[in-house]
Amino acid sequence: MAKRLYVGNIPYSVTDEQLSDMFTPYGAINEVYVVTDRFSGQAKGFAFVELADDAQADEAIRALNGTSMSGRTLVVSEARQRDSAPRGAARSGGRSDQARW
């Protein structure tokens, strides 16, 4: 089964290919996705890497978490599931059908 990893504190100049090269020694990679700003295209400093095998993904976490890339200390961990609430949703507990003035 595949495991998705969060890779944080990456340099803003990093590419999908560079991350792929970094994780390839730990196993087959299904996907690499560097998160970018939708307007500027600038990387946001984090990415997701999906490895095909859970054990290999766990090994990559142990080996790469806390290592340095271009002077930045990487944070590598298992990615959490996304929150199902839409971004910007009201969190006050109020009814959504009431007008807010």
N, C-alpha and C. Protein backbone atom coordinates (compact mmCIF):
# COMPACT_ATOMS: atom_id res chain seq x y z
N MET A 1 0.84 -1.18 0.00
CA MET A 1 0.00 0.00 0.00
C MET A 1 0.88 1.25 0.00
N ALA A 2 0.46 2.27 -0.66
CA ALA A 2 1.24 3.51 -0.78
C ALA A 2 1.08 4.37 0.47
N LYS A 3 2.13 5.12 0.78
CA LYS A 3 2.10 6.05 1.91
C LYS A 3 2.55 7.41 1.42
N ARG A 4 1.76 8.43 1.78
CA ARG A 4 2.03 9.81 1.39
C ARG A 4 2.80 10.50 2.51
N LEU A 5 3.92 11.15 2.14
CA LEU A 5 4.76 11.84 3.11
C LEU A 5 4.68 13.35 2.91
N TYR A 6 4.76 14.06 4.02
CA TYR A 6 4.87 15.51 4.02
C TYR A 6 6.35 15.85 4.13
N VAL A 7 6.82 16.75 3.27
CA VAL A 7 8.21 17.19 3.32
C VAL A 7 8.17 18.71 3.50
N GLY A 8 8.54 19.18 4.67
CA GLY A 8 8.45 20.59 4.98
C GLY A 8 9.80 21.26 5.11
N ASN A 9 9.77 22.58 5.07
CA ASN A 9 10.95 23.44 5.19
C ASN A 9 11.93 23.23 4.05
N ILE A 10 11.38 22.93 2.86
CA ILE A 10 12.24 22.75 1.69
C ILE A 10 12.61 24.12 1.11
N PRO A 11 13.74 24.22 0.43
CA PRO A 11 14.09 25.47 -0.22
C PRO A 11 13.03 25.85 -1.27
N TYR A 12 12.80 27.12 -1.44
CA TYR A 12 11.79 27.58 -2.39
C TYR A 12 12.17 27.27 -3.83
N SER A 13 13.41 26.96 -4.07
CA SER A 13 13.88 26.68 -5.43
C SER A 13 13.84 25.19 -5.79
N VAL A 14 13.44 24.33 -4.86
CA VAL A 14 13.47 22.89 -5.12
C VAL A 14 12.45 22.50 -6.19
N THR A 15 12.81 21.46 -6.96
CA THR A 15 11.93 20.98 -8.03
C THR A 15 11.42 19.58 -7.68
N ASP A 16 10.39 19.15 -8.40
CA ASP A 16 9.87 17.79 -8.25
C ASP A 16 10.99 16.77 -8.50
N GLU A 17 11.81 17.05 -9.50
CA GLU A 17 12.88 16.13 -9.87
C GLU A 17 13.92 15.99 -8.75
N GLN A 18 14.26 17.10 -8.10
CA GLN A 18 15.24 17.05 -7.01
C GLN A 18 14.70 16.21 -5.84
N LEU A 19 13.43 16.40 -5.53
CA LEU A 19 12.84 15.60 -4.44
C LEU A 19 12.75 14.14 -4.84
N SER A 20 12.41 13.88 -6.07
CA SER A 20 12.36 12.51 -6.55
C SER A 20 13.72 11.84 -6.41
N ASP A 21 14.78 12.54 -6.79
CA ASP A 21 16.14 12.01 -6.66
C ASP A 21 16.48 11.72 -5.19
N MET A 22 16.00 12.57 -4.28
CA MET A 22 16.29 12.41 -2.86
C MET A 22 15.60 11.16 -2.28
N PHE A 23 14.37 10.88 -2.75
CA PHE A 23 13.59 9.78 -2.18
C PHE A 23 13.75 8.46 -2.93
N THR A 24 14.27 8.47 -4.14
CA THR A 24 14.41 7.26 -4.95
C THR A 24 15.20 6.15 -4.25
N PRO A 25 16.27 6.45 -3.50
CA PRO A 25 17.00 5.36 -2.83
C PRO A 25 16.15 4.56 -1.83
N TYR A 26 15.01 5.09 -1.41
CA TYR A 26 14.19 4.44 -0.40
C TYR A 26 13.06 3.61 -1.00
N GLY A 27 12.85 3.68 -2.31
CA GLY A 27 11.82 2.86 -2.93
C GLY A 27 11.16 3.54 -4.11
N ALA A 28 10.21 2.81 -4.68
CA ALA A 28 9.48 3.30 -5.85
C ALA A 28 8.58 4.48 -5.46
N ILE A 29 8.66 5.53 -6.25
CA ILE A 29 7.88 6.73 -5.99
C ILE A 29 6.67 6.77 -6.91
N ASN A 30 5.49 6.96 -6.33
CA ASN A 30 4.27 7.09 -7.12
C ASN A 30 4.05 8.53 -7.58
N GLU A 31 4.37 9.49 -6.70
CA GLU A 31 4.08 10.89 -7.01
C GLU A 31 4.96 11.81 -6.17
N VAL A 32 5.37 12.92 -6.77
CA VAL A 32 6.05 14.00 -6.06
C VAL A 32 5.31 15.28 -6.43
N TYR A 33 4.96 16.08 -5.43
CA TYR A 33 4.20 17.30 -5.69
C TYR A 33 4.73 18.43 -4.80
N VAL A 34 5.43 19.38 -5.40
CA VAL A 34 5.86 20.58 -4.69
C VAL A 34 4.70 21.57 -4.73
N VAL A 35 4.25 22.00 -3.58
CA VAL A 35 3.10 22.92 -3.49
C VAL A 35 3.56 24.32 -3.85
N THR A 36 2.84 24.95 -4.78
CA THR A 36 3.17 26.30 -5.24
C THR A 36 1.99 27.24 -5.05
N ASP A 37 2.31 28.53 -4.98
CA ASP A 37 1.29 29.56 -4.91
C ASP A 37 0.56 29.60 -6.24
N ARG A 38 -0.76 29.61 -6.21
CA ARG A 38 -1.52 29.53 -7.46
C ARG A 38 -1.37 30.79 -8.32
N PHE A 39 -1.03 31.92 -7.74
CA PHE A 39 -0.91 33.15 -8.52
C PHE A 39 0.51 33.42 -9.00
N SER A 40 1.48 33.25 -8.12
CA SER A 40 2.86 33.58 -8.49
C SER A 40 3.64 32.38 -9.03
N GLY A 41 3.19 31.17 -8.72
CA GLY A 41 3.92 29.98 -9.13
C GLY A 41 5.11 29.67 -8.22
N GLN A 42 5.37 30.51 -7.23
CA GLN A 42 6.48 30.33 -6.29
C GLN A 42 6.18 29.15 -5.35
N ALA A 43 7.17 28.31 -5.12
CA ALA A 43 7.01 27.20 -4.18
C ALA A 43 6.73 27.75 -2.79
N LYS A 44 5.89 27.04 -2.03
CA LYS A 44 5.50 27.48 -0.69
C LYS A 44 6.39 26.93 0.41
N GLY A 45 7.34 26.07 0.08
CA GLY A 45 8.26 25.56 1.09
C GLY A 45 7.89 24.18 1.62
N PHE A 46 6.92 23.52 0.98
CA PHE A 46 6.61 22.16 1.38
C PHE A 46 6.13 21.36 0.18
N ALA A 47 6.15 20.04 0.35
CA ALA A 47 5.80 19.15 -0.75
C ALA A 47 5.23 17.85 -0.20
N PHE A 48 4.72 17.03 -1.10
CA PHE A 48 4.24 15.70 -0.75
C PHE A 48 4.91 14.69 -1.66
N VAL A 49 5.31 13.57 -1.07
CA VAL A 49 5.94 12.49 -1.82
C VAL A 49 5.20 11.22 -1.45
N GLU A 50 4.76 10.47 -2.45
CA GLU A 50 4.08 9.21 -2.19
C GLU A 50 4.98 8.06 -2.62
N LEU A 51 5.32 7.21 -1.66
CA LEU A 51 6.11 6.02 -1.93
C LEU A 51 5.19 4.81 -2.01
N ALA A 52 5.54 3.87 -2.86
CA ALA A 52 4.68 2.72 -3.13
C ALA A 52 4.56 1.76 -1.94
N ASP A 53 5.58 1.70 -1.09
CA ASP A 53 5.62 0.72 -0.01
C ASP A 53 5.70 1.43 1.34
N ASP A 54 4.85 1.02 2.27
CA ASP A 54 4.81 1.66 3.60
C ASP A 54 6.12 1.53 4.35
N ALA A 55 6.72 0.35 4.31
CA ALA A 55 7.98 0.13 5.04
C ALA A 55 9.09 1.03 4.48
N GLN A 56 9.14 1.17 3.17
CA GLN A 56 10.14 2.04 2.56
C GLN A 56 9.88 3.50 2.90
N ALA A 57 8.61 3.87 2.97
CA ALA A 57 8.26 5.24 3.35
C ALA A 57 8.70 5.52 4.79
N ASP A 58 8.49 4.56 5.68
CA ASP A 58 8.92 4.72 7.07
C ASP A 58 10.43 4.86 7.15
N GLU A 59 11.16 4.11 6.34
CA GLU A 59 12.62 4.20 6.31
C GLU A 59 13.05 5.58 5.81
N ALA A 60 12.36 6.10 4.79
CA ALA A 60 12.68 7.44 4.27
C ALA A 60 12.47 8.51 5.35
N ILE A 61 11.42 8.36 6.14
CA ILE A 61 11.16 9.31 7.23
C ILE A 61 12.31 9.28 8.22
N ARG A 62 12.69 8.07 8.64
CA ARG A 62 13.79 7.93 9.61
C ARG A 62 15.10 8.51 9.07
N ALA A 63 15.36 8.27 7.79
CA ALA A 63 16.64 8.69 7.22
C ALA A 63 16.70 10.18 6.87
N LEU A 64 15.58 10.76 6.44
CA LEU A 64 15.63 12.12 5.90
C LEU A 64 15.13 13.21 6.85
N ASN A 65 14.31 12.86 7.83
CA ASN A 65 13.81 13.88 8.75
C ASN A 65 14.98 14.46 9.53
N GLY A 66 15.10 15.78 9.51
CA GLY A 66 16.17 16.47 10.23
C GLY A 66 17.45 16.67 9.43
N THR A 67 17.47 16.15 8.19
CA THR A 67 18.65 16.37 7.35
C THR A 67 18.59 17.76 6.74
N SER A 68 19.71 18.17 6.17
CA SER A 68 19.82 19.52 5.61
C SER A 68 19.75 19.49 4.08
N MET A 69 19.05 20.48 3.52
CA MET A 69 18.99 20.68 2.07
C MET A 69 19.14 22.17 1.82
N SER A 70 20.24 22.55 1.20
CA SER A 70 20.53 23.96 0.92
C SER A 70 20.44 24.82 2.17
N GLY A 71 20.95 24.29 3.27
CA GLY A 71 20.97 25.05 4.51
C GLY A 71 19.68 25.04 5.30
N ARG A 72 18.69 24.31 4.86
CA ARG A 72 17.40 24.24 5.57
C ARG A 72 17.22 22.84 6.14
N THR A 73 16.76 22.75 7.37
CA THR A 73 16.53 21.46 8.02
C THR A 73 15.16 20.93 7.62
N LEU A 74 15.15 19.79 6.96
CA LEU A 74 13.91 19.20 6.45
C LEU A 74 13.08 18.57 7.55
N VAL A 75 11.77 18.66 7.38
CA VAL A 75 10.81 17.97 8.23
C VAL A 75 10.13 16.94 7.33
N VAL A 76 10.31 15.66 7.62
CA VAL A 76 9.71 14.60 6.83
C VAL A 76 8.87 13.75 7.77
N SER A 77 7.57 13.64 7.46
CA SER A 77 6.66 12.87 8.30
C SER A 77 5.54 12.32 7.44
N GLU A 78 4.75 11.44 8.03
CA GLU A 78 3.59 10.92 7.31
C GLU A 78 2.58 12.06 7.16
N ALA A 79 2.05 12.22 5.96
CA ALA A 79 1.08 13.28 5.71
C ALA A 79 -0.23 12.96 6.42
N ARG A 80 -0.86 14.00 6.95
CA ARG A 80 -2.18 13.84 7.57
C ARG A 80 -3.25 13.96 6.51
N GLN A 81 -4.41 13.40 6.79
CA GLN A 81 -5.55 13.54 5.89
C GLN A 81 -6.00 14.99 5.90
N ARG A 82 -6.44 15.46 4.75
CA ARG A 82 -6.95 16.83 4.65
C ARG A 82 -8.25 16.96 5.42
N ASP A 83 -8.44 18.11 6.01
CA ASP A 83 -9.69 18.43 6.68
C ASP A 83 -10.78 18.52 5.62
N SER A 84 -11.94 17.95 5.87
CA SER A 84 -13.00 17.94 4.87
C SER A 84 -13.76 19.26 4.80
N ALA A 85 -13.59 20.14 5.80
CA ALA A 85 -14.27 21.43 5.78
C ALA A 85 -13.63 22.33 4.74
N PRO A 86 -14.43 23.03 3.95
CA PRO A 86 -13.85 23.93 2.95
C PRO A 86 -13.09 25.06 3.61
N ARG A 87 -12.05 25.54 2.91
CA ARG A 87 -11.26 26.64 3.46
C ARG A 87 -12.14 27.87 3.62
N GLY A 88 -11.97 28.56 4.71
CA GLY A 88 -12.72 29.78 4.96
C GLY A 88 -14.12 29.52 5.51
N ALA A 89 -14.43 28.28 5.82
CA ALA A 89 -15.75 27.97 6.36
C ALA A 89 -15.90 28.59 7.74
N ALA A 90 -17.11 29.00 8.05
CA ALA A 90 -17.38 29.59 9.36
C ALA A 90 -17.12 28.56 10.44
N ARG A 91 -16.40 28.96 11.47
CA ARG A 91 -16.09 28.04 12.56
C ARG A 91 -16.76 28.49 13.86
N SER A 92 -17.68 29.43 13.76
CA SER A 92 -18.31 29.96 14.96
C SER A 92 -19.46 29.10 15.44
N GLY A 93 -19.87 28.14 14.67
CA GLY A 93 -20.98 27.29 15.07
C GLY A 93 -22.33 27.86 14.70
N GLY A 94 -22.35 29.03 14.06
CA GLY A 94 -23.60 29.64 13.64
C GLY A 94 -24.21 28.92 12.45
N ARG A 95 -25.47 29.19 12.22
CA ARG A 95 -26.15 28.56 11.09
C ARG A 95 -25.70 29.21 9.80
N SER A 96 -25.50 28.42 8.79
CA SER A 96 -24.99 28.94 7.52
C SER A 96 -26.07 29.67 6.72
N ASP A 97 -27.36 29.46 7.08
CA ASP A 97 -28.42 30.13 6.32
C ASP A 97 -28.76 31.51 6.89
N GLN A 98 -28.08 31.93 7.93
CA GLN A 98 -28.32 33.25 8.50
C GLN A 98 -27.40 34.26 7.84
N ALA A 99 -27.95 35.41 7.54
CA ALA A 99 -27.13 36.49 6.96
C ALA A 99 -26.22 37.05 8.05
N ARG A 100 -25.01 37.36 7.65
CA ARG A 100 -24.05 37.97 8.60
C ARG A 100 -23.80 39.39 8.15
N TRP A 101 -24.08 40.34 9.04
CA TRP A 101 -23.91 41.75 8.67
C TRP A 101 -22.83 42.36 9.45
